PDB file of N, CA and C in Angstrom:
ATOM      1  N   UNK A   1       0.824  -1.199   0.000  1.00  0.00           N
ATOM      2  CA  UNK A   1       0.000   0.000   0.000  1.00  0.00           C
ATOM      3  C   UNK A   1       0.866   1.260   0.000  1.00  0.00           C
ATOM      4  N   UNK A   2       1.822   1.331   0.916  1.00  0.00           N
ATOM      5  CA  UNK A   2       2.691   2.503   0.983  1.00  0.00           C
ATOM      6  C   UNK A   2       3.563   2.579  -0.268  1.00  0.00           C
ATOM      7  N   UNK A   3       3.990   1.426  -0.764  1.00  0.00           N
ATOM      8  CA  UNK A   3       4.768   1.393  -2.006  1.00  0.00           C
ATOM      9  C   UNK A   3       3.975   1.922  -3.179  1.00  0.00           C
ATOM     10  N   UNK A   4       2.683   1.632  -3.223  1.00  0.00           N
ATOM     11  CA  UNK A   4       1.827   2.125  -4.301  1.00  0.00           C
ATOM     12  C   UNK A   4       1.677   3.640  -4.232  1.00  0.00           C
ATOM     13  N   UNK A   5       1.555   4.158  -3.043  1.00  0.00           N
ATOM     14  CA  UNK A   5       1.417   5.604  -2.867  1.00  0.00           C
ATOM     15  C   UNK A   5       2.702   6.309  -3.275  1.00  0.00           C
ATOM     16  N   UNK A   6       3.826   5.762  -2.838  1.00  0.00           N
ATOM     17  CA  UNK A   6       5.117   6.365  -3.196  1.00  0.00           C
ATOM     18  C   UNK A   6       5.346   6.311  -4.697  1.00  0.00           C
ATOM     19  N   UNK A   7       5.028   5.169  -5.323  1.00  0.00           N
ATOM     20  CA  UNK A   7       5.214   5.078  -6.774  1.00  0.00           C
ATOM     21  C   UNK A   7       4.255   6.005  -7.504  1.00  0.00           C
ATOM     22  N   UNK A   8       3.039   6.201  -6.986  1.00  0.00           N
ATOM     23  CA  UNK A   8       2.098   7.140  -7.606  1.00  0.00           C
ATOM     24  C   UNK A   8       2.639   8.561  -7.543  1.00  0.00           C
ATOM     25  N   UNK A   9       3.264   8.922  -6.435  1.00  0.00           N
ATOM     26  CA  UNK A   9       3.849  10.255  -6.301  1.00  0.00           C
ATOM     27  C   UNK A   9       5.009  10.434  -7.274  1.00  0.00           C
ATOM     28  N   UNK A  10       5.877   9.440  -7.358  1.00  0.00           N
ATOM     29  CA  UNK A  10       7.041   9.530  -8.252  1.00  0.00           C
ATOM     30  C   UNK A  10       6.603   9.553  -9.708  1.00  0.00           C
ATOM     31  N   UNK A  11       5.747   8.608 -10.084  1.00  0.00           N
ATOM     32  CA  UNK A  11       5.263   8.559 -11.463  1.00  0.00           C
ATOM     33  C   UNK A  11       4.449   9.810 -11.771  1.00  0.00           C
ATOM     34  N   UNK A  12       3.635  10.253 -10.802  1.00  0.00           N
ATOM     35  CA  UNK A  12       2.842  11.463 -10.990  1.00  0.00           C
ATOM     36  C   UNK A  12       3.702  12.686 -11.249  1.00  0.00           C
ATOM     37  N   UNK A  13       4.796  12.816 -10.529  1.00  0.00           N
ATOM     38  CA  UNK A  13       5.695  13.952 -10.739  1.00  0.00           C
ATOM     39  C   UNK A  13       6.294  13.912 -12.142  1.00  0.00           C
ATOM     40  N   UNK A  14       6.698  12.742 -12.568  1.00  0.00           N
ATOM     41  CA  UNK A  14       7.277  12.595 -13.910  1.00  0.00           C
ATOM     42  C   UNK A  14       6.224  12.855 -14.980  1.00  0.00           C
ATOM     43  N   UNK A  15       5.042  12.272 -14.805  1.00  0.00           N
ATOM     44  CA  UNK A  15       3.965  12.429 -15.777  1.00  0.00           C
ATOM     45  C   UNK A  15       3.542  13.898 -15.861  1.00  0.00           C
ATOM     46  N   UNK A  16       3.410  14.567 -14.715  1.00  0.00           N
ATOM     47  CA  UNK A  16       3.028  15.978 -14.705  1.00  0.00           C
ATOM     48  C   UNK A  16       4.056  16.846 -15.418  1.00  0.00           C
ATOM     49  N   UNK A  17       5.328  16.593 -15.154  1.00  0.00           N
ATOM     50  CA  UNK A  17       6.394  17.368 -15.801  1.00  0.00           C
ATOM     51  C   UNK A  17       6.410  17.118 -17.310  1.00  0.00           C
ATOM     52  N   UNK A  18       6.239  15.872 -17.724  1.00  0.00           N
ATOM     53  CA  UNK A  18       6.195  15.555 -19.155  1.00  0.00           C
ATOM     54  C   UNK A  18       5.006  16.230 -19.828  1.00  0.00           C
ATOM     55  N   UNK A  19       3.878  16.246 -19.147  1.00  0.00           N
ATOM     56  CA  UNK A  19       2.684  16.892 -19.709  1.00  0.00           C
ATOM     57  C   UNK A  19       2.951  18.366 -19.973  1.00  0.00           C
ATOM     58  N   UNK A  20       3.604  19.029 -19.034  1.00  0.00           N
ATOM     59  CA  UNK A  20       3.920  20.453 -19.225  1.00  0.00           C
ATOM     60  C   UNK A  20       4.912  20.664 -20.361  1.00  0.00           C
ATOM     61  N   UNK A  21       5.819  19.723 -20.557  1.00  0.00           N
ATOM     62  CA  UNK A  21       6.771  19.834 -21.658  1.00  0.00           C
ATOM     63  C   UNK A  21       6.103  19.627 -23.012  1.00  0.00           C
ATOM     64  N   UNK A  22       5.092  18.775 -23.051  1.00  0.00           N
ATOM     65  CA  UNK A  22       4.400  18.472 -24.307  1.00  0.00           C
ATOM     66  C   UNK A  22       3.558  19.655 -24.772  1.00  0.00           C
ATOM     67  N   UNK A  23       2.944  20.347 -23.827  1.00  0.00           N
ATOM     68  CA  UNK A  23       2.060  21.462 -24.158  1.00  0.00           C
ATOM     69  C   UNK A  23       2.918  22.650 -24.604  1.00  0.00           C
ATOM     70  N   UNK A  24       2.643  23.175 -25.807  1.00  0.00           N
ATOM     71  CA  UNK A  24       3.450  24.308 -26.272  1.00  0.00           C
ATOM     72  C   UNK A  24       3.160  25.576 -25.477  1.00  0.00           C
ATOM     73  N   UNK A  25       4.153  26.440 -25.418  1.00  0.00           N
ATOM     74  CA  UNK A  25       3.998  27.707 -24.704  1.00  0.00           C
ATOM     75  C   UNK A  25       4.289  27.559 -23.224  1.00  0.00           C
ATOM     76  N   UNK A  26       4.119  28.665 -22.542  1.00  0.00           N
ATOM     77  CA  UNK A  26       4.402  28.707 -21.105  1.00  0.00           C
ATOM     78  C   UNK A  26       3.095  28.594 -20.327  1.00  0.00           C
ATOM     79  N   UNK A  27       3.088  27.744 -19.320  1.00  0.00           N
ATOM     80  CA  UNK A  27       1.916  27.584 -18.467  1.00  0.00           C
ATOM     81  C   UNK A  27       2.212  28.206 -17.104  1.00  0.00           C
ATOM     82  N   UNK A  28       1.282  28.991 -16.625  1.00  0.00           N
ATOM     83  CA  UNK A  28       1.420  29.565 -15.291  1.00  0.00           C
ATOM     84  C   UNK A  28       0.813  28.574 -14.303  1.00  0.00           C
ATOM     85  N   UNK A  29       1.608  27.590 -13.963  1.00  0.00           N
ATOM     86  CA  UNK A  29       1.154  26.505 -13.099  1.00  0.00           C
ATOM     87  C   UNK A  29       2.272  26.210 -12.099  1.00  0.00           C
ATOM     88  N   UNK A  30       1.924  26.167 -10.831  1.00  0.00           N
ATOM     89  CA  UNK A  30       2.935  25.925  -9.808  1.00  0.00           C
ATOM     90  C   UNK A  30       3.438  24.478  -9.869  1.00  0.00           C
ATOM     91  N   UNK A  31       4.579  24.264  -9.267  1.00  0.00           N
ATOM     92  CA  UNK A  31       5.137  22.917  -9.207  1.00  0.00           C
ATOM     93  C   UNK A  31       4.211  22.004  -8.413  1.00  0.00           C
ATOM     94  N   UNK A  32       3.652  22.527  -7.344  1.00  0.00           N
ATOM     95  CA  UNK A  32       2.727  21.742  -6.527  1.00  0.00           C
ATOM     96  C   UNK A  32       1.496  21.306  -7.297  1.00  0.00           C
ATOM     97  N   UNK A  33       0.921  22.219  -8.090  1.00  0.00           N
ATOM     98  CA  UNK A  33      -0.255  21.880  -8.874  1.00  0.00           C
ATOM     99  C   UNK A  33       0.108  20.887  -9.982  1.00  0.00           C
ATOM    100  N   UNK A  34       1.290  21.035 -10.549  1.00  0.00           N
ATOM    101  CA  UNK A  34       1.758  20.077 -11.551  1.00  0.00           C
ATOM    102  C   UNK A  34       1.849  18.690 -10.934  1.00  0.00           C
ATOM    103  N   UNK A  35       2.367  18.620  -9.725  1.00  0.00           N
ATOM    104  CA  UNK A  35       2.476  17.351  -9.014  1.00  0.00           C
ATOM    105  C   UNK A  35       1.096  16.761  -8.743  1.00  0.00           C
ATOM    106  N   UNK A  36       0.163  17.577  -8.296  1.00  0.00           N
ATOM    107  CA  UNK A  36      -1.194  17.097  -8.011  1.00  0.00           C
ATOM    108  C   UNK A  36      -1.854  16.563  -9.285  1.00  0.00           C
ATOM    109  N   UNK A  37      -1.750  17.316 -10.379  1.00  0.00           N
ATOM    110  CA  UNK A  37      -2.338  16.876 -11.645  1.00  0.00           C
ATOM    111  C   UNK A  37      -1.696  15.567 -12.090  1.00  0.00           C
ATOM    112  N   UNK A  38      -0.387  15.476 -11.963  1.00  0.00           N
ATOM    113  CA  UNK A  38       0.317  14.252 -12.355  1.00  0.00           C
ATOM    114  C   UNK A  38      -0.088  13.053 -11.515  1.00  0.00           C
ATOM    115  N   UNK A  39      -0.214  13.234 -10.204  1.00  0.00           N
ATOM    116  CA  UNK A  39      -0.596  12.125  -9.321  1.00  0.00           C
ATOM    117  C   UNK A  39      -2.015  11.665  -9.634  1.00  0.00           C
ATOM    118  N   UNK A  40      -2.926  12.608  -9.806  1.00  0.00           N
ATOM    119  CA  UNK A  40      -4.312  12.247 -10.130  1.00  0.00           C
ATOM    120  C   UNK A  40      -4.357  11.515 -11.476  1.00  0.00           C
ATOM    121  N   UNK A  41      -3.616  12.026 -12.455  1.00  0.00           N
ATOM    122  CA  UNK A  41      -3.572  11.376 -13.767  1.00  0.00           C
ATOM    123  C   UNK A  41      -2.977   9.975 -13.671  1.00  0.00           C
ATOM    124  N   UNK A  42      -1.943   9.809 -12.854  1.00  0.00           N
ATOM    125  CA  UNK A  42      -1.327   8.494 -12.686  1.00  0.00           C
ATOM    126  C   UNK A  42      -2.304   7.512 -12.055  1.00  0.00           C
ATOM    127  N   UNK A  43      -3.019   7.945 -11.033  1.00  0.00           N
ATOM    128  CA  UNK A  43      -3.972   7.052 -10.369  1.00  0.00           C
ATOM    129  C   UNK A  43      -5.142   6.689 -11.279  1.00  0.00           C
ATOM    130  N   UNK A  44      -5.720   7.683 -11.940  1.00  0.00           N
ATOM    131  CA  UNK A  44      -6.850   7.416 -12.843  1.00  0.00           C
ATOM    132  C   UNK A  44      -6.388   6.593 -14.046  1.00  0.00           C
ATOM    133  N   UNK A  45      -5.213   6.902 -14.564  1.00  0.00           N
ATOM    134  CA  UNK A  45      -4.669   6.139 -15.693  1.00  0.00           C
ATOM    135  C   UNK A  45      -4.440   4.680 -15.346  1.00  0.00           C
ATOM    136  N   UNK A  46      -3.956   4.426 -14.143  1.00  0.00           N
ATOM    137  CA  UNK A  46      -3.754   3.053 -13.690  1.00  0.00           C
ATOM    138  C   UNK A  46      -5.098   2.336 -13.577  1.00  0.00           C
ATOM    139  N   UNK A  47      -6.091   3.030 -13.052  1.00  0.00           N
ATOM    140  CA  UNK A  47      -7.427   2.448 -12.927  1.00  0.00           C
ATOM    141  C   UNK A  47      -7.999   2.097 -14.306  1.00  0.00           C
ATOM    142  N   UNK A  48      -7.910   3.026 -15.247  1.00  0.00           N
ATOM    143  CA  UNK A  48      -8.433   2.787 -16.593  1.00  0.00           C
ATOM    144  C   UNK A  48      -7.682   1.642 -17.270  1.00  0.00           C
ATOM    145  N   UNK A  49      -6.363   1.657 -17.178  1.00  0.00           N
ATOM    146  CA  UNK A  49      -5.564   0.591 -17.789  1.00  0.00           C
ATOM    147  C   UNK A  49      -5.894  -0.764 -17.165  1.00  0.00           C
ATOM    148  N   UNK A  50      -6.122  -0.768 -15.861  1.00  0.00           N
ATOM    149  CA  UNK A  50      -6.496  -2.006 -15.184  1.00  0.00           C
ATOM    150  C   UNK A  50      -7.843  -2.522 -15.657  1.00  0.00           C
ATOM    151  N   UNK A  51      -8.795  -1.624 -15.819  1.00  0.00           N
ATOM    152  CA  UNK A  51     -10.121  -2.024 -16.294  1.00  0.00           C
ATOM    153  C   UNK A  51     -10.077  -2.543 -17.727  1.00  0.00           C
ATOM    154  N   UNK A  52      -9.148  -2.004 -18.520  1.00  0.00           N
ATOM    155  CA  UNK A  52      -9.006  -2.450 -19.902  1.00  0.00           C
ATOM    156  C   UNK A  52      -8.080  -3.657 -20.048  1.00  0.00           C
ATOM    157  N   UNK A  53      -7.498  -4.093 -18.935  1.00  0.00           N
ATOM    158  CA  UNK A  53      -6.593  -5.242 -18.962  1.00  0.00           C
ATOM    159  C   UNK A  53      -5.237  -4.938 -19.569  1.00  0.00           C
ATOM    160  N   UNK A  54      -4.813  -3.688 -19.476  1.00  0.00           N
ATOM    161  CA  UNK A  54      -3.548  -3.269 -20.083  1.00  0.00           C
ATOM    162  C   UNK A  54      -2.394  -3.191 -19.099  1.00  0.00           C
ATOM    163  N   UNK A  55      -2.639  -3.453 -17.829  1.00  0.00           N
ATOM    164  CA  UNK A  55      -1.587  -3.367 -16.818  1.00  0.00           C
ATOM    165  C   UNK A  55      -0.736  -4.629 -16.893  1.00  0.00           C
ATOM    166  N   UNK A  56       0.559  -4.421 -17.006  1.00  0.00           N
ATOM    167  CA  UNK A  56       1.507  -5.525 -17.110  1.00  0.00           C
ATOM    168  C   UNK A  56       2.143  -5.745 -15.743  1.00  0.00           C
ATOM    169  N   UNK A  57       1.916  -6.915 -15.159  1.00  0.00           N
ATOM    170  CA  UNK A  57       2.472  -7.208 -13.838  1.00  0.00           C
ATOM    171  C   UNK A  57       3.994  -7.343 -13.890  1.00  0.00           C
ATOM    172  N   UNK A  58       4.506  -7.724 -15.014  1.00  0.00           N
ATOM    173  CA  UNK A  58       5.959  -7.879 -15.182  1.00  0.00           C
ATOM    174  C   UNK A  58       6.454  -6.852 -16.185  1.00  0.00           C
ATOM    175  N   UNK A  59       7.403  -6.095 -15.787  1.00  0.00           N
ATOM    176  CA  UNK A  59       7.982  -5.110 -16.697  1.00  0.00           C
ATOM    177  C   UNK A  59       7.197  -3.808 -16.732  1.00  0.00           C
ATOM    178  N   UNK A  60       7.475  -3.035 -17.749  1.00  0.00           N
ATOM    179  CA  UNK A  60       6.875  -1.712 -17.888  1.00  0.00           C
ATOM    180  C   UNK A  60       5.584  -1.820 -18.680  1.00  0.00           C
ATOM    181  N   UNK A  61       4.554  -1.198 -18.182  1.00  0.00           N
ATOM    182  CA  UNK A  61       3.263  -1.187 -18.864  1.00  0.00           C
ATOM    183  C   UNK A  61       3.162   0.114 -19.667  1.00  0.00           C
ATOM    184  N   UNK A  62       3.610   0.079 -20.921  1.00  0.00           N
ATOM    185  CA  UNK A  62       3.676   1.280 -21.741  1.00  0.00           C
ATOM    186  C   UNK A  62       2.296   1.870 -22.008  1.00  0.00           C
ATOM    187  N   UNK A  63       1.303   1.018 -22.242  1.00  0.00           N
ATOM    188  CA  UNK A  63      -0.056   1.528 -22.469  1.00  0.00           C
ATOM    189  C   UNK A  63      -0.564   2.287 -21.253  1.00  0.00           C
ATOM    190  N   UNK A  64      -0.279   1.756 -20.092  1.00  0.00           N
ATOM    191  CA  UNK A  64      -0.686   2.419 -18.849  1.00  0.00           C
ATOM    192  C   UNK A  64      -0.061   3.809 -18.757  1.00  0.00           C
ATOM    193  N   UNK A  65       1.223   3.896 -19.052  1.00  0.00           N
ATOM    194  CA  UNK A  65       1.916   5.181 -18.970  1.00  0.00           C
ATOM    195  C   UNK A  65       1.433   6.162 -20.036  1.00  0.00           C
ATOM    196  N   UNK A  66       1.093   5.664 -21.209  1.00  0.00           N
ATOM    197  CA  UNK A  66       0.554   6.539 -22.249  1.00  0.00           C
ATOM    198  C   UNK A  66      -0.807   7.107 -21.844  1.00  0.00           C
ATOM    199  N   UNK A  67      -1.637   6.276 -21.230  1.00  0.00           N
ATOM    200  CA  UNK A  67      -2.933   6.741 -20.734  1.00  0.00           C
ATOM    201  C   UNK A  67      -2.720   7.791 -19.646  1.00  0.00           C
ATOM    202  N   UNK A  68      -1.802   7.522 -18.733  1.00  0.00           N
ATOM    203  CA  UNK A  68      -1.505   8.474 -17.669  1.00  0.00           C
ATOM    204  C   UNK A  68      -1.027   9.803 -18.236  1.00  0.00           C
ATOM    205  N   UNK A  69      -0.151   9.741 -19.215  1.00  0.00           N
ATOM    206  CA  UNK A  69       0.382  10.960 -19.816  1.00  0.00           C
ATOM    207  C   UNK A  69      -0.710  11.750 -20.534  1.00  0.00           C
ATOM    208  N   UNK A  70      -1.563  11.065 -21.265  1.00  0.00           N
ATOM    209  CA  UNK A  70      -2.665  11.741 -21.955  1.00  0.00           C
ATOM    210  C   UNK A  70      -3.585  12.422 -20.951  1.00  0.00           C
ATOM    211  N   UNK A  71      -3.883  11.739 -19.860  1.00  0.00           N
ATOM    212  CA  UNK A  71      -4.724  12.337 -18.823  1.00  0.00           C
ATOM    213  C   UNK A  71      -4.039  13.529 -18.163  1.00  0.00           C
ATOM    214  N   UNK A  72      -2.732  13.455 -17.978  1.00  0.00           N
ATOM    215  CA  UNK A  72      -1.993  14.570 -17.375  1.00  0.00           C
ATOM    216  C   UNK A  72      -1.997  15.782 -18.301  1.00  0.00           C
ATOM    217  N   UNK A  73      -1.842  15.570 -19.604  1.00  0.00           N
ATOM    218  CA  UNK A  73      -1.887  16.682 -20.558  1.00  0.00           C
ATOM    219  C   UNK A  73      -3.260  17.347 -20.500  1.00  0.00           C
ATOM    220  N   UNK A  74      -4.307  16.541 -20.512  1.00  0.00           N
ATOM    221  CA  UNK A  74      -5.666  17.076 -20.411  1.00  0.00           C
ATOM    222  C   UNK A  74      -5.840  17.820 -19.091  1.00  0.00           C
ATOM    223  N   UNK A  75      -5.346  17.241 -18.013  1.00  0.00           N
ATOM    224  CA  UNK A  75      -5.458  17.866 -16.700  1.00  0.00           C
ATOM    225  C   UNK A  75      -4.745  19.201 -16.620  1.00  0.00           C
ATOM    226  N   UNK A  76      -3.533  19.274 -17.140  1.00  0.00           N
ATOM    227  CA  UNK A  76      -2.778  20.533 -17.124  1.00  0.00           C
ATOM    228  C   UNK A  76      -3.508  21.591 -17.954  1.00  0.00           C
ATOM    229  N   UNK A  77      -3.998  21.195 -19.128  1.00  0.00           N
ATOM    230  CA  UNK A  77      -4.733  22.140 -19.964  1.00  0.00           C
ATOM    231  C   UNK A  77      -5.979  22.665 -19.249  1.00  0.00           C
ATOM    232  N   UNK A  78      -6.698  21.780 -18.576  1.00  0.00           N
ATOM    233  CA  UNK A  78      -7.905  22.193 -17.861  1.00  0.00           C
ATOM    234  C   UNK A  78      -7.584  23.148 -16.705  1.00  0.00           C
ATOM    235  N   UNK A  79      -6.551  22.832 -15.937  1.00  0.00           N
ATOM    236  CA  UNK A  79      -6.184  23.683 -14.798  1.00  0.00           C
ATOM    237  C   UNK A  79      -5.715  25.051 -15.279  1.00  0.00           C
ATOM    238  N   UNK A  80      -4.899  25.081 -16.324  1.00  0.00           N
ATOM    239  CA  UNK A  80      -4.418  26.359 -16.861  1.00  0.00           C
ATOM    240  C   UNK A  80      -5.595  27.181 -17.377  1.00  0.00           C
ATOM    241  N   UNK A  81      -6.531  26.517 -18.050  1.00  0.00           N
ATOM    242  CA  UNK A  81      -7.706  27.216 -18.574  1.00  0.00           C
ATOM    243  C   UNK A  81      -8.584  27.755 -17.437  1.00  0.00           C
ATOM    244  N   UNK A  82      -8.760  26.977 -16.383  1.00  0.00           N
ATOM    245  CA  UNK A  82      -9.555  27.432 -15.239  1.00  0.00           C
ATOM    246  C   UNK A  82      -8.887  28.611 -14.553  1.00  0.00           C
ATOM    247  N   UNK A  83      -7.568  28.571 -14.425  1.00  0.00           N
ATOM    248  CA  UNK A  83      -6.850  29.684 -13.803  1.00  0.00           C
ATOM    249  C   UNK A  83      -6.940  30.944 -14.642  1.00  0.00           C
ATOM    250  N   UNK A  84      -6.948  30.796 -15.969  1.00  0.00           N
ATOM    251  CA  UNK A  84      -7.056  31.953 -16.853  1.00  0.00           C
ATOM    252  C   UNK A  84      -8.442  32.594 -16.721  1.00  0.00           C
ATOM    253  N   UNK A  85      -9.464  31.779 -16.561  1.00  0.00           N
ATOM    254  CA  UNK A  85     -10.821  32.317 -16.407  1.00  0.00           C
ATOM    255  C   UNK A  85     -10.962  33.051 -15.074  1.00  0.00           C
ATOM    256  N   UNK A  86     -10.303  32.563 -14.018  1.00  0.00           N
ATOM    257  CA  UNK A  86     -10.356  33.232 -12.723  1.00  0.00           C
ATOM    258  C   UNK A  86      -9.664  34.592 -12.781  1.00  0.00           C
ATOM    259  N   UNK A  87      -8.618  34.686 -13.593  1.00  0.00           N
ATOM    260  CA  UNK A  87      -7.851  35.925 -13.681  1.00  0.00           C
ATOM    261  C   UNK A  87      -8.641  37.030 -14.374  1.00  0.00           C
ATOM    262  N   UNK A  88      -9.586  36.649 -15.214  1.00  0.00           N
ATOM    263  CA  UNK A  88     -10.378  37.661 -15.930  1.00  0.00           C
ATOM    264  C   UNK A  88     -11.522  38.028 -15.108  1.00  0.00           C
TER     265      UNK A  88
END
C-alpha cells in the first residue's frame, strides 16, 4: 500500500512534468499543482488501464503510462484554462 502511494507520487511527478513539456507555450502553473495533476492522472490512468486489462504485472506497462500521460496533458490544460478564467 505505501509502495503504491510512493510510486504514484514519483510517477505522478514525472507524468506531470512531461505533460507540461508536451504542451506548447508557457503555463502559469505551480510545481505543486503540476504534481497534483500528475498524481491524479497516474492514479486514474492506472485504474483505466487495469479495467481495460492493459496493466503488465511484469515489466513496464507502456499503455498504462501513455494513458496516464494523456490524462496529465488534459489535466494541465484544464487547470491552466480554469486559472485563466479566474484571472479575468
